[in-house]
Every structure is written in C-alpha cells, then in structure tokens.
Amino acid sequence: MIDLGYQSVGSETISHVMFRGAISREQNHSLYKMKVHSLDGKSVCEIPVSNQAVIFGNIQRLKRRPWDGQLKGKKIWLSDNGQGCPNKWILTGEDICGLLFTGQ
C-alpha cells in the first residue's frame, strides 16, 4: 500500500465493486483524516481517506473545445484540459464533492 504521510486513525476491510458488477477480494485499508483547502484558502474541511496503491488506470485529459471560453465566462474551470495522462492521487465520491463544493 501507499504511505500517505499521515498517521492512521484506524483500518477497514473493503471489497471494491467495479464496472459490470465485478467484485474484488477483500483488502485491508488504513484510514486517515486529510485536510483539504479551497483554492482561495478561505475554507478547509477534513475528509476521511483510505490508502490504495492504484485507484484506476490512465485517463486522458480533455482536449480544448470551442466552448471552453463560455465556461470560463460562467466561472467554470476544468482542471483536466491539456495533453497526457497525469497521475491522480485522490478519488472522491459525491458525498465528499458536495462538502468540498458547498462547505456543507
């Protein structure tokens, strides 16, 4: 497993359910609490995370599209524009996304 540089606050055994219903064997994961700050530094929240050496395979970045300027005009920024397949270090669910986006 990967060392996150945080002190573990526990562990849990998880089976991962993948596309088409495939289920992985049970694995033990260390649990951590990670502080995440907004880009402007005005808000911070603490989210639960577990360690996993590989989250998913390569996902290509989005190519630039004609409507990107319209999105920026509405204050919507896409972080995955460009070339290549950057490493992803955190995968969140909708429960955490709501917390990060709204602070609630």
PDB file of N, CA and C in Angstrom:
ATOM      1  N   MET A   1       0.832  -1.195   0.000  1.00  0.00           N
ATOM      2  CA  MET A   1       0.000   0.000   0.000  1.00  0.00           C
ATOM      3  C   MET A   1       0.874   1.254   0.000  1.00  0.00           C
ATOM      4  N   ILE A   2       0.264   2.347  -0.293  1.00  0.00           N
ATOM      5  CA  ILE A   2       0.971   3.621  -0.398  1.00  0.00           C
ATOM      6  C   ILE A   2       0.975   4.341   0.947  1.00  0.00           C
ATOM      7  N   ASP A   3       2.083   4.987   1.291  1.00  0.00           N
ATOM      8  CA  ASP A   3       2.195   5.759   2.521  1.00  0.00           C
ATOM      9  C   ASP A   3       1.760   7.189   2.230  1.00  0.00           C
ATOM     10  N   LEU A   4       0.700   7.636   2.879  1.00  0.00           N
ATOM     11  CA  LEU A   4       0.162   8.977   2.641  1.00  0.00           C
ATOM     12  C   LEU A   4       0.868  10.056   3.449  1.00  0.00           C
ATOM     13  N   GLY A   5       1.741   9.672   4.352  1.00  0.00           N
ATOM     14  CA  GLY A   5       2.434  10.650   5.177  1.00  0.00           C
ATOM     15  C   GLY A   5       1.584  11.153   6.332  1.00  0.00           C
ATOM     16  N   TYR A   6       0.486  10.493   6.612  1.00  0.00           N
ATOM     17  CA  TYR A   6      -0.403  10.840   7.720  1.00  0.00           C
ATOM     18  C   TYR A   6      -0.393   9.695   8.717  1.00  0.00           C
ATOM     19  N   GLN A   7      -0.782   9.984   9.947  1.00  0.00           N
ATOM     20  CA  GLN A   7      -0.903   8.934  10.951  1.00  0.00           C
ATOM     21  C   GLN A   7      -2.261   8.264  10.797  1.00  0.00           C
ATOM     22  N   SER A   8      -2.274   6.955  10.736  1.00  0.00           N
ATOM     23  CA  SER A   8      -3.510   6.199  10.573  1.00  0.00           C
ATOM     24  C   SER A   8      -4.404   6.371  11.797  1.00  0.00           C
ATOM     25  N   VAL A   9      -5.718   6.482  11.550  1.00  0.00           N
ATOM     26  CA  VAL A   9      -6.688   6.582  12.637  1.00  0.00           C
ATOM     27  C   VAL A   9      -7.535   5.316  12.734  1.00  0.00           C
ATOM     28  N   GLY A  10      -7.121   4.267  12.017  1.00  0.00           N
ATOM     29  CA  GLY A  10      -7.854   3.009  12.049  1.00  0.00           C
ATOM     30  C   GLY A  10      -7.677   2.258  10.751  1.00  0.00           C
ATOM     31  N   SER A  11      -8.500   1.245  10.572  1.00  0.00           N
ATOM     32  CA  SER A  11      -8.459   0.473   9.337  1.00  0.00           C
ATOM     33  C   SER A  11      -9.842  -0.097   9.066  1.00  0.00           C
ATOM     34  N   GLU A  12     -10.052  -0.516   7.812  1.00  0.00           N
ATOM     35  CA  GLU A  12     -11.295  -1.177   7.458  1.00  0.00           C
ATOM     36  C   GLU A  12     -11.025  -2.164   6.327  1.00  0.00           C
ATOM     37  N   THR A  13     -11.854  -3.184   6.247  1.00  0.00           N
ATOM     38  CA  THR A  13     -11.747  -4.182   5.199  1.00  0.00           C
ATOM     39  C   THR A  13     -12.794  -3.851   4.142  1.00  0.00           C
ATOM     40  N   ILE A  14     -12.346  -3.751   2.875  1.00  0.00           N
ATOM     41  CA  ILE A  14     -13.218  -3.306   1.792  1.00  0.00           C
ATOM     42  C   ILE A  14     -13.140  -4.279   0.624  1.00  0.00           C
ATOM     43  N   SER A  15     -14.282  -4.550   0.002  1.00  0.00           N
ATOM     44  CA  SER A  15     -14.354  -5.200  -1.304  1.00  0.00           C
ATOM     45  C   SER A  15     -14.769  -4.113  -2.288  1.00  0.00           C
ATOM     46  N   HIS A  16     -14.068  -3.988  -3.390  1.00  0.00           N
ATOM     47  CA  HIS A  16     -14.372  -2.963  -4.382  1.00  0.00           C
ATOM     48  C   HIS A  16     -15.300  -3.547  -5.445  1.00  0.00           C
ATOM     49  N   VAL A  17     -16.376  -2.822  -5.749  1.00  0.00           N
ATOM     50  CA  VAL A  17     -17.288  -3.216  -6.815  1.00  0.00           C
ATOM     51  C   VAL A  17     -16.948  -2.373  -8.033  1.00  0.00           C
ATOM     52  N   MET A  18     -16.701  -3.043  -9.151  1.00  0.00           N
ATOM     53  CA  MET A  18     -16.257  -2.360 -10.364  1.00  0.00           C
ATOM     54  C   MET A  18     -17.344  -2.418 -11.431  1.00  0.00           C
ATOM     55  N   PHE A  19     -17.013  -1.916 -12.608  1.00  0.00           N
ATOM     56  CA  PHE A  19     -17.966  -1.939 -13.707  1.00  0.00           C
ATOM     57  C   PHE A  19     -18.411  -3.358 -13.999  1.00  0.00           C
ATOM     58  N   ARG A  20     -19.627  -3.480 -14.436  1.00  0.00           N
ATOM     59  CA  ARG A  20     -20.251  -4.765 -14.765  1.00  0.00           C
ATOM     60  C   ARG A  20     -20.389  -5.680 -13.560  1.00  0.00           C
ATOM     61  N   GLY A  21     -20.282  -5.116 -12.360  1.00  0.00           N
ATOM     62  CA  GLY A  21     -20.534  -5.879 -11.148  1.00  0.00           C
ATOM     63  C   GLY A  21     -19.398  -6.738 -10.641  1.00  0.00           C
ATOM     64  N   ALA A  22     -18.221  -6.648 -11.242  1.00  0.00           N
ATOM     65  CA  ALA A  22     -17.082  -7.430 -10.746  1.00  0.00           C
ATOM     66  C   ALA A  22     -16.731  -6.972  -9.330  1.00  0.00           C
ATOM     67  N   ILE A  23     -16.445  -7.921  -8.460  1.00  0.00           N
ATOM     68  CA  ILE A  23     -16.131  -7.614  -7.064  1.00  0.00           C
ATOM     69  C   ILE A  23     -14.729  -8.116  -6.757  1.00  0.00           C
ATOM     70  N   SER A  24     -13.897  -7.238  -6.166  1.00  0.00           N
ATOM     71  CA  SER A  24     -12.535  -7.625  -5.802  1.00  0.00           C
ATOM     72  C   SER A  24     -12.551  -8.437  -4.513  1.00  0.00           C
ATOM     73  N   ARG A  25     -11.439  -9.064  -4.236  1.00  0.00           N
ATOM     74  CA  ARG A  25     -11.314  -9.761  -2.955  1.00  0.00           C
ATOM     75  C   ARG A  25     -11.216  -8.708  -1.854  1.00  0.00           C
ATOM     76  N   GLU A  26     -11.544  -9.077  -0.649  1.00  0.00           N
ATOM     77  CA  GLU A  26     -11.462  -8.148   0.471  1.00  0.00           C
ATOM     78  C   GLU A  26     -10.018  -7.744   0.714  1.00  0.00           C
ATOM     79  N   GLN A  27      -9.816  -6.443   0.975  1.00  0.00           N
ATOM     80  CA  GLN A  27      -8.490  -5.922   1.284  1.00  0.00           C
ATOM     81  C   GLN A  27      -8.589  -5.026   2.508  1.00  0.00           C
ATOM     82  N   ASN A  28      -7.544  -5.041   3.312  1.00  0.00           N
ATOM     83  CA  ASN A  28      -7.486  -4.170   4.485  1.00  0.00           C
ATOM     84  C   ASN A  28      -6.861  -2.833   4.074  1.00  0.00           C
ATOM     85  N   HIS A  29      -7.496  -1.735   4.443  1.00  0.00           N
ATOM     86  CA  HIS A  29      -7.017  -0.395   4.120  1.00  0.00           C
ATOM     87  C   HIS A  29      -6.866   0.425   5.395  1.00  0.00           C
ATOM     88  N   SER A  30      -5.764   1.154   5.508  1.00  0.00           N
ATOM     89  CA  SER A  30      -5.598   2.094   6.611  1.00  0.00           C
ATOM     90  C   SER A  30      -6.473   3.310   6.357  1.00  0.00           C
ATOM     91  N   LEU A  31      -7.021   3.888   7.422  1.00  0.00           N
ATOM     92  CA  LEU A  31      -7.871   5.074   7.328  1.00  0.00           C
ATOM     93  C   LEU A  31      -7.121   6.288   7.853  1.00  0.00           C
ATOM     94  N   TYR A  32      -7.361   7.430   7.232  1.00  0.00           N
ATOM     95  CA  TYR A  32      -6.707   8.687   7.592  1.00  0.00           C
ATOM     96  C   TYR A  32      -7.732   9.814   7.555  1.00  0.00           C
ATOM     97  N   LYS A  33      -7.407  10.920   8.203  1.00  0.00           N
ATOM     98  CA  LYS A  33      -8.186  12.152   8.070  1.00  0.00           C
ATOM     99  C   LYS A  33      -7.286  13.157   7.368  1.00  0.00           C
ATOM    100  N   MET A  34      -7.748  13.694   6.245  1.00  0.00           N
ATOM    101  CA  MET A  34      -6.957  14.616   5.439  1.00  0.00           C
ATOM    102  C   MET A  34      -7.649  15.974   5.380  1.00  0.00           C
ATOM    103  N   LYS A  35      -6.883  17.035   5.614  1.00  0.00           N
ATOM    104  CA  LYS A  35      -7.429  18.384   5.490  1.00  0.00           C
ATOM    105  C   LYS A  35      -7.299  18.847   4.046  1.00  0.00           C
ATOM    106  N   VAL A  36      -8.393  19.343   3.488  1.00  0.00           N
ATOM    107  CA  VAL A  36      -8.426  19.832   2.117  1.00  0.00           C
ATOM    108  C   VAL A  36      -8.816  21.309   2.163  1.00  0.00           C
ATOM    109  N   HIS A  37      -8.008  22.144   1.496  1.00  0.00           N
ATOM    110  CA  HIS A  37      -8.248  23.584   1.478  1.00  0.00           C
ATOM    111  C   HIS A  37      -8.803  23.991   0.122  1.00  0.00           C
ATOM    112  N   SER A  38      -9.676  25.008   0.119  1.00  0.00           N
ATOM    113  CA  SER A  38     -10.152  25.561  -1.150  1.00  0.00           C
ATOM    114  C   SER A  38      -9.000  26.280  -1.835  1.00  0.00           C
ATOM    115  N   LEU A  39      -9.111  26.469  -3.147  1.00  0.00           N
ATOM    116  CA  LEU A  39      -8.038  27.111  -3.892  1.00  0.00           C
ATOM    117  C   LEU A  39      -7.777  28.533  -3.414  1.00  0.00           C
ATOM    118  N   ASP A  40      -8.822  29.223  -2.942  1.00  0.00           N
ATOM    119  CA  ASP A  40      -8.631  30.590  -2.460  1.00  0.00           C
ATOM    120  C   ASP A  40      -8.206  30.633  -0.990  1.00  0.00           C
ATOM    121  N   GLY A  41      -8.132  29.478  -0.343  1.00  0.00           N
ATOM    122  CA  GLY A  41      -7.683  29.403   1.039  1.00  0.00           C
ATOM    123  C   GLY A  41      -8.707  29.841   2.070  1.00  0.00           C
ATOM    124  N   LYS A  42      -9.936  30.127   1.642  1.00  0.00           N
ATOM    125  CA  LYS A  42     -10.957  30.633   2.572  1.00  0.00           C
ATOM    126  C   LYS A  42     -11.672  29.543   3.348  1.00  0.00           C
ATOM    127  N   SER A  43     -11.646  28.324   2.853  1.00  0.00           N
ATOM    128  CA  SER A  43     -12.325  27.261   3.589  1.00  0.00           C
ATOM    129  C   SER A  43     -11.461  26.004   3.623  1.00  0.00           C
ATOM    130  N   VAL A  44     -11.691  25.226   4.645  1.00  0.00           N
ATOM    131  CA  VAL A  44     -10.966  23.975   4.831  1.00  0.00           C
ATOM    132  C   VAL A  44     -11.944  22.957   5.396  1.00  0.00           C
ATOM    133  N   CYS A  45     -11.792  21.711   4.969  1.00  0.00           N
ATOM    134  CA  CYS A  45     -12.602  20.652   5.569  1.00  0.00           C
ATOM    135  C   CYS A  45     -11.719  19.422   5.737  1.00  0.00           C
ATOM    136  N   GLU A  46     -12.124  18.573   6.634  1.00  0.00           N
ATOM    137  CA  GLU A  46     -11.385  17.345   6.904  1.00  0.00           C
ATOM    138  C   GLU A  46     -12.195  16.191   6.336  1.00  0.00           C
ATOM    139  N   ILE A  47     -11.573  15.390   5.474  1.00  0.00           N
ATOM    140  CA  ILE A  47     -12.280  14.282   4.843  1.00  0.00           C
ATOM    141  C   ILE A  47     -11.619  12.957   5.202  1.00  0.00           C
ATOM    142  N   PRO A  48     -12.424  11.892   5.291  1.00  0.00           N
ATOM    143  CA  PRO A  48     -11.844  10.566   5.544  1.00  0.00           C
ATOM    144  C   PRO A  48     -11.270  10.001   4.255  1.00  0.00           C
ATOM    145  N   VAL A  49     -10.088   9.411   4.322  1.00  0.00           N
ATOM    146  CA  VAL A  49      -9.471   8.775   3.155  1.00  0.00           C
ATOM    147  C   VAL A  49      -8.890   7.426   3.560  1.00  0.00           C
ATOM    148  N   SER A  50      -8.773   6.546   2.582  1.00  0.00           N
ATOM    149  CA  SER A  50      -8.097   5.265   2.807  1.00  0.00           C
ATOM    150  C   SER A  50      -7.008   5.111   1.762  1.00  0.00           C
ATOM    151  N   ASN A  51      -6.016   4.289   2.077  1.00  0.00           N
ATOM    152  CA  ASN A  51      -4.892   4.124   1.149  1.00  0.00           C
ATOM    153  C   ASN A  51      -5.192   3.029   0.136  1.00  0.00           C
ATOM    154  N   GLN A  52      -4.775   3.262  -1.088  1.00  0.00           N
ATOM    155  CA  GLN A  52      -4.899   2.295  -2.178  1.00  0.00           C
ATOM    156  C   GLN A  52      -3.790   2.614  -3.168  1.00  0.00           C
ATOM    157  N   ALA A  53      -2.930   1.650  -3.469  1.00  0.00           N
ATOM    158  CA  ALA A  53      -1.771   1.896  -4.326  1.00  0.00           C
ATOM    159  C   ALA A  53      -2.178   2.363  -5.722  1.00  0.00           C
ATOM    160  N   VAL A  54      -3.181   1.733  -6.331  1.00  0.00           N
ATOM    161  CA  VAL A  54      -3.653   2.124  -7.650  1.00  0.00           C
ATOM    162  C   VAL A  54      -5.150   2.360  -7.561  1.00  0.00           C
ATOM    163  N   ILE A  55      -5.589   3.557  -7.975  1.00  0.00           N
ATOM    164  CA  ILE A  55      -7.017   3.873  -7.920  1.00  0.00           C
ATOM    165  C   ILE A  55      -7.689   3.459  -9.218  1.00  0.00           C
ATOM    166  N   PHE A  56      -7.109   3.835 -10.349  1.00  0.00           N
ATOM    167  CA  PHE A  56      -7.632   3.468 -11.663  1.00  0.00           C
ATOM    168  C   PHE A  56      -6.547   3.676 -12.701  1.00  0.00           C
ATOM    169  N   GLY A  57      -6.785   3.217 -13.919  1.00  0.00           N
ATOM    170  CA  GLY A  57      -5.802   3.328 -14.985  1.00  0.00           C
ATOM    171  C   GLY A  57      -5.731   4.734 -15.565  1.00  0.00           C
ATOM    172  N   ASN A  58      -4.987   4.868 -16.649  1.00  0.00           N
ATOM    173  CA  ASN A  58      -4.800   6.165 -17.291  1.00  0.00           C
ATOM    174  C   ASN A  58      -6.108   6.725 -17.831  1.00  0.00           C
ATOM    175  N   ILE A  59      -6.354   7.989 -17.581  1.00  0.00           N
ATOM    176  CA  ILE A  59      -7.496   8.711 -18.124  1.00  0.00           C
ATOM    177  C   ILE A  59      -6.941   9.932 -18.840  1.00  0.00           C
ATOM    178  N   GLN A  60      -7.184  10.013 -20.137  1.00  0.00           N
ATOM    179  CA  GLN A  60      -6.668  11.121 -20.933  1.00  0.00           C
ATOM    180  C   GLN A  60      -7.287  12.446 -20.491  1.00  0.00           C
ATOM    181  N   ARG A  61      -6.496  13.507 -20.570  1.00  0.00           N
ATOM    182  CA  ARG A  61      -7.014  14.849 -20.321  1.00  0.00           C
ATOM    183  C   ARG A  61      -7.946  15.253 -21.457  1.00  0.00           C
ATOM    184  N   LEU A  62      -8.790  16.245 -21.195  1.00  0.00           N
ATOM    185  CA  LEU A  62      -9.728  16.743 -22.199  1.00  0.00           C
ATOM    186  C   LEU A  62      -9.018  17.653 -23.186  1.00  0.00           C
ATOM    187  N   LYS A  63      -9.356  17.523 -24.454  1.00  0.00           N
ATOM    188  CA  LYS A  63      -8.814  18.434 -25.460  1.00  0.00           C
ATOM    189  C   LYS A  63      -9.583  19.746 -25.385  1.00  0.00           C
ATOM    190  N   ARG A  64      -8.941  20.825 -25.776  1.00  0.00           N
ATOM    191  CA  ARG A  64      -9.594  22.128 -25.792  1.00  0.00           C
ATOM    192  C   ARG A  64     -10.766  22.095 -26.774  1.00  0.00           C
ATOM    193  N   ARG A  65     -11.863  22.740 -26.361  1.00  0.00           N
ATOM    194  CA  ARG A  65     -13.060  22.772 -27.183  1.00  0.00           C
ATOM    195  C   ARG A  65     -13.499  24.219 -27.404  1.00  0.00           C
ATOM    196  N   PRO A  66     -14.294  24.467 -28.436  1.00  0.00           N
ATOM    197  CA  PRO A  66     -14.700  25.844 -28.745  1.00  0.00           C
ATOM    198  C   PRO A  66     -15.463  26.525 -27.611  1.00  0.00           C
ATOM    199  N   TRP A  67     -16.151  25.780 -26.774  1.00  0.00           N
ATOM    200  CA  TRP A  67     -16.977  26.379 -25.729  1.00  0.00           C
ATOM    201  C   TRP A  67     -16.235  26.590 -24.401  1.00  0.00           C
ATOM    202  N   ASP A  68     -14.947  26.286 -24.346  1.00  0.00           N
ATOM    203  CA  ASP A  68     -14.183  26.496 -23.112  1.00  0.00           C
ATOM    204  C   ASP A  68     -14.274  27.947 -22.637  1.00  0.00           C
ATOM    205  N   GLY A  69     -14.232  28.912 -23.565  1.00  0.00           N
ATOM    206  CA  GLY A  69     -14.339  30.325 -23.192  1.00  0.00           C
ATOM    207  C   GLY A  69     -15.668  30.653 -22.545  1.00  0.00           C
ATOM    208  N   GLN A  70     -16.733  30.018 -23.012  1.00  0.00           N
ATOM    209  CA  GLN A  70     -18.057  30.245 -22.421  1.00  0.00           C
ATOM    210  C   GLN A  70     -18.109  29.719 -20.991  1.00  0.00           C
ATOM    211  N   LEU A  71     -17.467  28.574 -20.774  1.00  0.00           N
ATOM    212  CA  LEU A  71     -17.435  28.031 -19.416  1.00  0.00           C
ATOM    213  C   LEU A  71     -16.692  28.976 -18.474  1.00  0.00           C
ATOM    214  N   LYS A  72     -15.541  29.494 -18.905  1.00  0.00           N
ATOM    215  CA  LYS A  72     -14.781  30.434 -18.071  1.00  0.00           C
ATOM    216  C   LYS A  72     -15.595  31.684 -17.786  1.00  0.00           C
ATOM    217  N   GLY A  73     -16.382  32.135 -18.773  1.00  0.00           N
ATOM    218  CA  GLY A  73     -17.251  33.290 -18.570  1.00  0.00           C
ATOM    219  C   GLY A  73     -18.293  33.059 -17.494  1.00  0.00           C
ATOM    220  N   LYS A  74     -18.641  31.809 -17.259  1.00  0.00           N
ATOM    221  CA  LYS A  74     -19.592  31.441 -16.199  1.00  0.00           C
ATOM    222  C   LYS A  74     -18.874  30.990 -14.933  1.00  0.00           C
ATOM    223  N   LYS A  75     -17.560  31.248 -14.893  1.00  0.00           N
ATOM    224  CA  LYS A  75     -16.712  30.904 -13.753  1.00  0.00           C
ATOM    225  C   LYS A  75     -16.665  29.403 -13.504  1.00  0.00           C
ATOM    226  N   ILE A  76     -16.598  28.630 -14.598  1.00  0.00           N
ATOM    227  CA  ILE A  76     -16.448  27.175 -14.532  1.00  0.00           C
ATOM    228  C   ILE A  76     -15.089  26.849 -15.131  1.00  0.00           C
ATOM    229  N   TRP A  77     -14.199  26.262 -14.325  1.00  0.00           N
ATOM    230  CA  TRP A  77     -12.861  25.911 -14.780  1.00  0.00           C
ATOM    231  C   TRP A  77     -12.717  24.400 -14.784  1.00  0.00           C
ATOM    232  N   LEU A  78     -12.228  23.868 -15.878  1.00  0.00           N
ATOM    233  CA  LEU A  78     -11.958  22.437 -15.981  1.00  0.00           C
ATOM    234  C   LEU A  78     -10.470  22.222 -15.764  1.00  0.00           C
ATOM    235  N   SER A  79     -10.133  21.352 -14.841  1.00  0.00           N
ATOM    236  CA  SER A  79      -8.724  21.158 -14.490  1.00  0.00           C
ATOM    237  C   SER A  79      -8.045  20.083 -15.330  1.00  0.00           C
ATOM    238  N   ASP A  80      -8.808  19.342 -16.113  1.00  0.00           N
ATOM    239  CA  ASP A  80      -8.220  18.238 -16.867  1.00  0.00           C
ATOM    240  C   ASP A  80      -8.001  18.560 -18.340  1.00  0.00           C
ATOM    241  N   ASN A  81      -7.829  19.834 -18.684  1.00  0.00           N
ATOM    242  CA  ASN A  81      -7.500  20.198 -20.066  1.00  0.00           C
ATOM    243  C   ASN A  81      -6.029  19.967 -20.318  1.00  0.00           C
ATOM    244  N   GLY A  82      -5.663  19.667 -21.551  1.00  0.00           N
ATOM    245  CA  GLY A  82      -4.249  19.538 -21.902  1.00  0.00           C
ATOM    246  C   GLY A  82      -3.919  18.214 -22.553  1.00  0.00           C
ATOM    247  N   GLN A  83      -2.679  17.812 -22.412  1.00  0.00           N
ATOM    248  CA  GLN A  83      -2.168  16.599 -23.034  1.00  0.00           C
ATOM    249  C   GLN A  83      -1.727  15.598 -21.974  1.00  0.00           C
ATOM    250  N   GLY A  84      -1.703  14.328 -22.345  1.00  0.00           N
ATOM    251  CA  GLY A  84      -1.145  13.297 -21.482  1.00  0.00           C
ATOM    252  C   GLY A  84      -2.121  12.737 -20.466  1.00  0.00           C
ATOM    253  N   CYS A  85      -1.594  11.929 -19.574  1.00  0.00           N
ATOM    254  CA  CYS A  85      -2.369  11.255 -18.526  1.00  0.00           C
ATOM    255  C   CYS A  85      -1.704  11.519 -17.183  1.00  0.00           C
ATOM    256  N   PRO A  86      -2.051  12.594 -16.501  1.00  0.00           N
ATOM    257  CA  PRO A  86      -1.409  12.873 -15.214  1.00  0.00           C
ATOM    258  C   PRO A  86      -1.830  11.855 -14.149  1.00  0.00           C
ATOM    259  N   ASN A  87      -0.979  11.691 -13.156  1.00  0.00           N
ATOM    260  CA  ASN A  87      -1.318  10.820 -12.035  1.00  0.00           C
ATOM    261  C   ASN A  87      -2.458  11.433 -11.238  1.00  0.00           C
ATOM    262  N   LYS A  88      -3.360  10.588 -10.777  1.00  0.00           N
ATOM    263  CA  LYS A  88      -4.451  11.011  -9.900  1.00  0.00           C
ATOM    264  C   LYS A  88      -4.153  10.442  -8.522  1.00  0.00           C
ATOM    265  N   TRP A  89      -4.250  11.273  -7.518  1.00  0.00           N
ATOM    266  CA  TRP A  89      -3.903  10.830  -6.172  1.00  0.00           C
ATOM    267  C   TRP A  89      -5.096  10.681  -5.255  1.00  0.00           C
ATOM    268  N   ILE A  90      -6.199  11.352  -5.589  1.00  0.00           N
ATOM    269  CA  ILE A  90      -7.382  11.271  -4.729  1.00  0.00           C
ATOM    270  C   ILE A  90      -8.609  11.046  -5.592  1.00  0.00           C
ATOM    271  N   LEU A  91      -9.438  10.100  -5.213  1.00  0.00           N
ATOM    272  CA  LEU A  91     -10.714   9.841  -5.858  1.00  0.00           C
ATOM    273  C   LEU A  91     -11.783  10.033  -4.796  1.00  0.00           C
ATOM    274  N   THR A  92     -12.748  10.915  -5.062  1.00  0.00           N
ATOM    275  CA  THR A  92     -13.793  11.180  -4.071  1.00  0.00           C
ATOM    276  C   THR A  92     -15.151  10.751  -4.604  1.00  0.00           C
ATOM    277  N   GLY A  93     -16.067  10.561  -3.700  1.00  0.00           N
ATOM    278  CA  GLY A  93     -17.448  10.261  -4.049  1.00  0.00           C
ATOM    279  C   GLY A  93     -18.280  11.521  -3.999  1.00  0.00           C
ATOM    280  N   GLU A  94     -19.542  11.386  -4.374  1.00  0.00           N
ATOM    281  CA  GLU A  94     -20.413  12.560  -4.417  1.00  0.00           C
ATOM    282  C   GLU A  94     -20.647  13.165  -3.033  1.00  0.00           C
ATOM    283  N   ASP A  95     -20.577  12.359  -1.985  1.00  0.00           N
ATOM    284  CA  ASP A  95     -20.750  12.895  -0.637  1.00  0.00           C
ATOM    285  C   ASP A  95     -19.638  13.878  -0.291  1.00  0.00           C
ATOM    286  N   ILE A  96     -18.404  13.562  -0.668  1.00  0.00           N
ATOM    287  CA  ILE A  96     -17.268  14.433  -0.384  1.00  0.00           C
ATOM    288  C   ILE A  96     -17.263  15.627  -1.342  1.00  0.00           C
ATOM    289  N   CYS A  97     -17.624  15.413  -2.615  1.00  0.00           N
ATOM    290  CA  CYS A  97     -17.678  16.528  -3.578  1.00  0.00           C
ATOM    291  C   CYS A  97     -18.636  17.599  -3.098  1.00  0.00           C
ATOM    292  N   GLY A  98     -19.798  17.202  -2.607  1.00  0.00           N
ATOM    293  CA  GLY A  98     -20.757  18.179  -2.088  1.00  0.00           C
ATOM    294  C   GLY A  98     -20.165  18.991  -0.949  1.00  0.00           C
ATOM    295  N   LEU A  99     -19.462  18.328  -0.063  1.00  0.00           N
ATOM    296  CA  LEU A  99     -18.804  19.006   1.052  1.00  0.00           C
ATOM    297  C   LEU A  99     -17.746  19.988   0.543  1.00  0.00           C
ATOM    298  N   LEU A 100     -16.944  19.543  -0.418  1.00  0.00           N
ATOM    299  CA  LEU A 100     -15.881  20.411  -0.943  1.00  0.00           C
ATOM    300  C   LEU A 100     -16.462  21.604  -1.705  1.00  0.00           C
ATOM    301  N   PHE A 101     -17.512  21.386  -2.481  1.00  0.00           N
ATOM    302  CA  PHE A 101     -18.071  22.459  -3.308  1.00  0.00           C
ATOM    303  C   PHE A 101     -18.896  23.459  -2.498  1.00  0.00           C
ATOM    304  N   THR A 102     -19.594  22.986  -1.472  1.00  0.00           N
ATOM    305  CA  THR A 102     -20.515  23.872  -0.741  1.00  0.00           C
ATOM    306  C   THR A 102     -20.081  24.162   0.690  1.00  0.00           C
ATOM    307  N   GLY A 103     -19.181  23.344   1.229  1.00  0.00           N
ATOM    308  CA  GLY A 103     -18.778  23.507   2.624  1.00  0.00           C
ATOM    309  C   GLY A 103     -19.796  22.941   3.592  1.00  0.00           C
ATOM    310  N   GLN A 104     -20.823  22.273   3.086  1.00  0.00           N
ATOM    311  CA  GLN A 104     -21.886  21.723   3.946  1.00  0.00           C
ATOM    312  C   GLN A 104     -22.014  20.233   3.756  1.00  0.00           C
TER     313      GLN A 104
END
